[in-house]
Protein backbone atom coordinates (compact mmCIF):
# COMPACT_ATOMS: atom_id res chain seq x y z
CA UNK A 1 0.00 -0.06 -0.07
CA UNK A 2 2.54 2.55 1.25
CA UNK A 3 4.93 1.79 -2.11
CA UNK A 4 0.71 2.40 -4.31
CA UNK A 5 0.95 5.46 -2.89
CA UNK A 6 4.99 6.24 -3.39
CA UNK A 7 4.72 5.27 -6.93
CA UNK A 8 1.05 7.67 -7.13
CA UNK A 9 3.11 10.50 -5.48
CA UNK A 10 5.71 10.56 -8.16
CA UNK A 11 3.45 9.87 -11.11
CA UNK A 12 1.79 13.10 -9.99
CA UNK A 13 4.83 14.82 -9.46
CA UNK A 14 6.07 13.72 -13.03
CA UNK A 15 2.75 14.62 -14.66
CA UNK A 16 2.72 18.45 -12.78
CA UNK A 17 6.75 19.13 -13.76
CA UNK A 18 4.99 18.04 -17.36
CA UNK A 19 2.25 19.97 -17.79
CA UNK A 20 4.45 23.04 -16.61
CA UNK A 21 7.15 22.66 -19.10
CA UNK A 22 4.15 22.17 -21.68
CA UNK A 23 2.72 25.43 -20.19
CA UNK A 24 6.40 27.07 -20.36
CA UNK A 25 7.06 25.96 -23.96
CA UNK A 26 3.06 26.96 -24.92
CA UNK A 27 4.21 30.71 -23.18
CA UNK A 28 7.62 30.57 -24.77
CA UNK A 29 5.83 29.85 -28.42
CA UNK A 30 3.44 32.46 -27.91
CA UNK A 31 6.03 34.89 -26.68
CA UNK A 32 7.97 34.47 -29.85
CA UNK A 33 5.32 35.26 -31.90
CA UNK A 34 4.08 38.34 -29.90
CA UNK A 35 7.71 39.33 -30.37
CA UNK A 36 7.49 39.73 -34.07
CA UNK A 37 8.06 43.42 -35.54
CA UNK A 38 6.47 42.86 -39.02
CA UNK A 39 5.98 45.46 -41.85
CA UNK A 40 3.86 45.20 -44.62
CA UNK A 41 4.94 47.04 -47.97
CA UNK A 42 3.76 45.93 -51.79
CA UNK A 43 0.91 46.94 -53.99
CA UNK A 44 -2.53 46.30 -54.18
CA UNK A 45 -2.65 43.18 -53.95
CA UNK A 46 -0.60 44.06 -50.11
CA UNK A 47 -2.65 46.62 -49.24
CA UNK A 48 -6.35 44.92 -50.53
CA UNK A 49 -7.99 46.44 -53.10
CA UNK A 50 -11.22 45.06 -53.75
CA UNK A 51 -11.72 43.59 -49.90
CA UNK A 52 -13.71 46.38 -49.07
CA UNK A 53 -13.55 47.79 -44.85
CA UNK A 54 -10.69 50.27 -46.03
CA UNK A 55 -8.93 51.89 -43.56
CA UNK A 56 -9.97 55.39 -43.54
CA UNK A 57 -6.42 57.05 -42.86
CA UNK A 58 -4.81 54.98 -45.49
CA UNK A 59 -6.97 57.31 -48.03
CA UNK A 60 -6.24 56.29 -51.56
CA UNK A 61 -3.45 53.31 -51.17
CA UNK A 62 -7.10 51.58 -50.11
CA UNK A 63 -5.48 49.42 -46.84
CA UNK A 64 -8.00 47.21 -46.14
CA UNK A 65 -8.71 45.49 -42.48
CA UNK A 66 -9.35 42.50 -44.57
CA UNK A 67 -5.92 42.63 -46.55
CA UNK A 68 -3.60 39.10 -45.89
CA UNK A 69 -0.95 41.79 -43.60
CA UNK A 70 -3.97 43.14 -41.15
CA UNK A 71 -5.76 39.45 -40.79
CA UNK A 72 -2.07 37.79 -40.01
CA UNK A 73 -1.65 40.70 -37.39
CA UNK A 74 -4.80 40.34 -36.12
CA UNK A 75 -3.96 36.47 -35.48
CA UNK A 76 -0.51 36.42 -34.22
CA UNK A 77 -0.46 40.15 -32.40
CA UNK A 78 2.76 40.82 -33.21
CA UNK A 79 5.01 43.60 -30.82
CA UNK A 80 4.84 45.94 -34.11
CA UNK A 81 2.88 45.72 -36.95
CA UNK A 82 3.42 48.94 -39.57
CA UNK A 83 1.42 48.90 -42.92
CA UNK A 84 2.16 50.82 -45.56
CA UNK A 85 1.73 48.91 -49.15
CA UNK A 86 -0.02 51.30 -51.46
CA UNK A 87 -2.87 50.80 -54.36
CA UNK A 88 -1.30 50.74 -57.55
CA UNK A 89 2.32 51.25 -56.23
CA UNK A 90 5.48 50.18 -58.49
CA UNK A 91 9.17 49.45 -57.05
CA UNK A 92 10.03 53.24 -56.70
CA UNK A 93 7.42 53.91 -54.79
CA UNK A 94 7.87 51.42 -52.69
CA UNK A 95 11.93 52.42 -52.21
CA UNK A 96 10.23 55.95 -52.02
CA UNK A 97 7.24 56.02 -49.49
CA UNK A 98 7.30 52.31 -47.70
CA UNK A 99 9.93 51.58 -45.97
CA UNK A 100 10.37 53.70 -43.45
CA UNK A 101 9.09 51.63 -40.37
CA UNK A 102 11.91 48.55 -41.27
CA UNK A 103 14.58 48.98 -38.79
CA UNK A 104 17.60 46.33 -37.33
CA UNK A 105 14.38 45.01 -35.38
CA UNK A 106 12.35 44.27 -38.02
CA UNK A 107 11.64 40.52 -38.53
CA UNK A 108 9.28 39.64 -40.60
CA UNK A 109 8.73 41.42 -44.37
CA UNK A 110 5.90 40.92 -46.68
CA UNK A 111 5.47 42.35 -50.18
CA UNK A 112 3.98 42.04 -53.33
CA UNK A 113 5.35 43.81 -56.38
CA UNK A 114 6.20 44.57 -59.72
CA UNK A 115 2.79 43.80 -61.14
CA UNK A 116 2.38 47.72 -62.29
CA UNK A 117 5.77 48.10 -63.27
CA UNK A 118 5.19 45.20 -65.53
CA UNK A 119 2.20 47.46 -66.99
CA UNK A 120 -0.35 45.05 -65.45
CA UNK A 121 -3.64 47.39 -65.60
CA UNK A 122 -2.35 48.90 -69.43
CA UNK A 123 -2.29 45.28 -70.38
CA UNK A 124 -6.13 44.34 -68.94
CA UNK A 125 -6.96 47.77 -70.13
CA UNK A 126 -5.85 47.08 -73.89
CA UNK A 127 -6.95 43.49 -73.67
CA UNK A 128 -10.75 44.45 -72.64
CA UNK A 129 -11.35 47.49 -75.56
CA UNK A 130 -9.12 46.70 -78.37
CA UNK A 131 -8.20 43.73 -80.82
CA UNK A 132 -6.98 40.53 -79.83
CA UNK A 133 -3.78 40.86 -81.89
CA UNK A 134 -3.12 44.06 -80.21
CA UNK A 135 -3.93 42.67 -77.01
CA UNK A 136 -1.35 39.74 -77.37
CA UNK A 137 0.78 42.29 -79.21
CA UNK A 138 0.47 44.16 -75.28
CA UNK A 139 1.23 41.36 -73.42
CA UNK A 140 4.34 40.30 -75.74
CA UNK A 141 5.40 44.00 -74.68
CA UNK A 142 4.81 43.27 -70.94
CA UNK A 143 6.42 39.79 -70.81
CA UNK A 144 9.70 42.01 -72.63
CA UNK A 145 9.53 44.35 -69.87
CA UNK A 146 9.89 41.53 -67.39
CA UNK A 147 13.00 40.26 -68.53
CA UNK A 148 14.65 43.22 -69.57
CA UNK A 149 14.11 45.83 -66.73
CA UNK A 150 11.87 44.58 -63.81
CA UNK A 151 14.68 42.68 -62.55
CA UNK A 152 16.71 46.20 -61.87
CA UNK A 153 13.74 47.35 -60.60
CA UNK A 154 13.85 44.46 -57.88
CA UNK A 155 17.08 44.23 -57.15
CA UNK A 156 16.33 47.92 -56.01
CA UNK A 157 13.71 46.94 -53.89
CA UNK A 158 15.06 43.72 -52.53
CA UNK A 159 18.82 45.69 -51.61
CA UNK A 160 17.00 48.13 -49.76
CA UNK A 161 15.02 45.96 -48.10
CA UNK A 162 18.11 43.83 -47.07
CA UNK A 163 19.95 47.24 -46.23
CA UNK A 164 17.19 48.61 -43.46
CA UNK A 165 16.21 45.31 -42.20
CA UNK A 166 19.59 43.06 -42.07
CA UNK A 167 17.89 40.13 -40.28
CA UNK A 168 14.80 40.10 -41.55
CA UNK A 169 12.73 37.08 -42.53
CA UNK A 170 11.13 38.67 -45.91
CA UNK A 171 8.08 36.82 -47.91
CA UNK A 172 7.43 37.89 -51.44
CA UNK A 173 3.76 37.10 -52.62
CA UNK A 174 3.25 36.09 -56.51
CA UNK A 175 0.02 36.69 -58.86
CA UNK A 176 -2.87 34.90 -59.07
CA UNK A 177 -3.15 33.49 -62.43
CA UNK A 178 -6.88 35.07 -63.51
CA UNK A 179 -8.83 33.03 -65.48
CA UNK A 180 -10.31 29.74 -65.45
CA UNK A 181 -9.66 28.44 -69.06
CA UNK A 182 -12.96 26.91 -70.81
CA UNK A 183 -14.99 27.72 -67.36
CA UNK A 184 -18.10 29.51 -67.10
CA UNK A 185 -17.99 32.71 -68.68
CA UNK A 186 -19.46 32.81 -72.43
CA UNK A 187 -19.01 36.61 -72.89
CA UNK A 188 -15.69 38.56 -73.21
CA UNK A 189 -12.07 38.19 -73.66
CA UNK A 190 -11.13 34.79 -76.22
CA UNK A 191 -9.92 31.50 -74.14
CA UNK A 192 -6.70 32.42 -76.34
CA UNK A 193 -6.35 35.90 -74.21
CA UNK A 194 -7.47 34.37 -71.15
CA UNK A 195 -4.37 31.63 -71.73
CA UNK A 196 -2.30 34.22 -72.51
CA UNK A 197 -3.00 36.80 -69.39
CA UNK A 198 -2.73 33.82 -67.20
CA UNK A 199 0.74 32.76 -68.90
CA UNK A 200 2.33 36.26 -68.34
CA UNK A 201 1.04 35.96 -64.81
CA UNK A 202 3.35 32.60 -64.39
CA UNK A 203 6.40 34.44 -65.97
CA UNK A 204 6.20 37.45 -63.86
CA UNK A 205 5.97 35.26 -60.77
CA UNK A 206 8.42 33.38 -62.08
CA UNK A 207 11.58 35.95 -62.64
CA UNK A 208 9.94 37.62 -59.09
CA UNK A 209 11.11 34.27 -57.36
CA UNK A 210 14.20 34.38 -59.01
CA UNK A 211 15.12 37.57 -57.86
CA UNK A 212 13.58 37.03 -54.52
CA UNK A 213 15.73 33.83 -54.27
CA UNK A 214 19.14 35.82 -55.31
CA UNK A 215 18.48 37.75 -52.23
CA UNK A 216 18.06 34.95 -49.85
CA UNK A 217 13.93 36.00 -49.61
CA UNK A 218 11.16 33.64 -49.42
CA UNK A 219 8.83 33.09 -52.51
CA UNK A 220 5.23 32.68 -51.73
CA UNK A 221 3.34 31.47 -54.87
CA UNK A 222 -0.47 32.03 -54.59
CA UNK A 223 -1.70 30.74 -57.74
CA UNK A 224 -2.50 27.28 -56.43
CA UNK A 225 -4.59 28.58 -53.47
CA UNK A 226 -6.61 30.20 -56.34
CA UNK A 227 -7.16 27.42 -58.64
CA UNK A 228 -10.80 26.82 -58.03
CA UNK A 229 -11.47 30.38 -57.85
CA UNK A 230 -10.33 32.00 -60.27
CA UNK A 231 -12.56 34.16 -62.84
CA UNK A 232 -15.11 32.28 -64.67
CA UNK A 233 -14.69 28.90 -61.93
CA UNK A 234 -18.37 29.82 -60.72
CA UNK A 235 -16.73 30.32 -57.46
CA UNK A 236 -14.20 33.30 -58.03
CA UNK A 237 -12.10 34.65 -55.25
CA UNK A 238 -11.22 37.35 -57.81
CA UNK A 239 -13.31 40.57 -59.32
CA UNK A 240 -13.65 40.67 -63.22
CA UNK A 241 -14.36 43.48 -64.58
CA UNK A 242 -16.13 45.89 -62.76
CA UNK A 243 -17.13 49.35 -65.06
CA UNK A 244 -18.97 50.97 -61.57
CA UNK A 245 -15.49 50.27 -59.85
CA UNK A 246 -12.59 50.05 -62.22
CA UNK A 247 -10.17 50.25 -59.78
CA UNK A 248 -10.77 46.59 -57.55
CA UNK A 249 -11.38 44.92 -61.87
CA UNK A 250 -8.96 41.98 -60.87
CA UNK A 251 -8.41 42.05 -57.45
CA UNK A 252 -9.12 39.51 -54.80
CA UNK A 253 -12.32 39.58 -53.09
CA UNK A 254 -12.14 39.45 -49.09
CA UNK A 255 -12.09 35.71 -49.79
CA UNK A 256 -9.08 35.96 -51.87
CA UNK A 257 -7.05 37.74 -48.79
CA UNK A 258 -8.01 35.53 -46.09
CA UNK A 259 -8.29 32.31 -48.76
CA UNK A 260 -6.15 32.76 -50.91
CA UNK A 261 -2.88 34.83 -49.78
CA UNK A 262 -3.13 33.88 -46.03
CA UNK A 263 -2.50 30.57 -46.03
CA UNK A 264 0.53 31.08 -47.70
CA UNK A 265 2.27 34.05 -45.38
CA UNK A 266 1.15 31.81 -42.70
CA UNK A 267 3.17 28.93 -43.82
CA UNK A 268 6.29 30.64 -45.13
CA UNK A 269 6.17 33.41 -42.02
């Protein structure tokens, strides 16, 4: 009987120690997440254009509480969160206007950039309003830009980020494919044009991923997350052409931010 009591007492001590250690580990893990200083840079895909719930003080930058940076910050309660992504931003806008919050203490940086440099808005305008041949020529011009000019522009941004935040983990987010080929859309652009636009998005992502890797940054490919949710899929996470709000056209809904972008950042942050 005494031996049984001794075993029981010892077991209770061991269980208590395990619980205490587990609790300490959980607390330490939570503390390590909360200690993160997070800065979100980039263009409209990072600011959250198309998702609504825009922060009034962000003005024309249209930063949204439903954009993936805001959602990540809400879920992880970092020590600090600076959200400077802005609608319409190009690489030069990032280096000129968005890098102020970066410091040697910054732990995490996220960014999507390059689409506006490559002329995304003009490509879509050309393809919607002009002939198929003109559209395909404009896409070819954009691809040429990605080959010749964009790498240098990305170098400038990535070098500036690394200089200001030398210890930060940098996650570079890509862009989705826009169309489901052979999907539910029966009017509008031809499947040939839609395929060319999707291919151009892949081309931009590949070039961006290469530059990110050269700087030791992590590239987040969101195309897989958006598969089945493209325009013409019947379950789209992307706005199609919206004549009443042109600026939101071809940008993610809130569901695209939470279901497309956020899981990728969560897996890489």
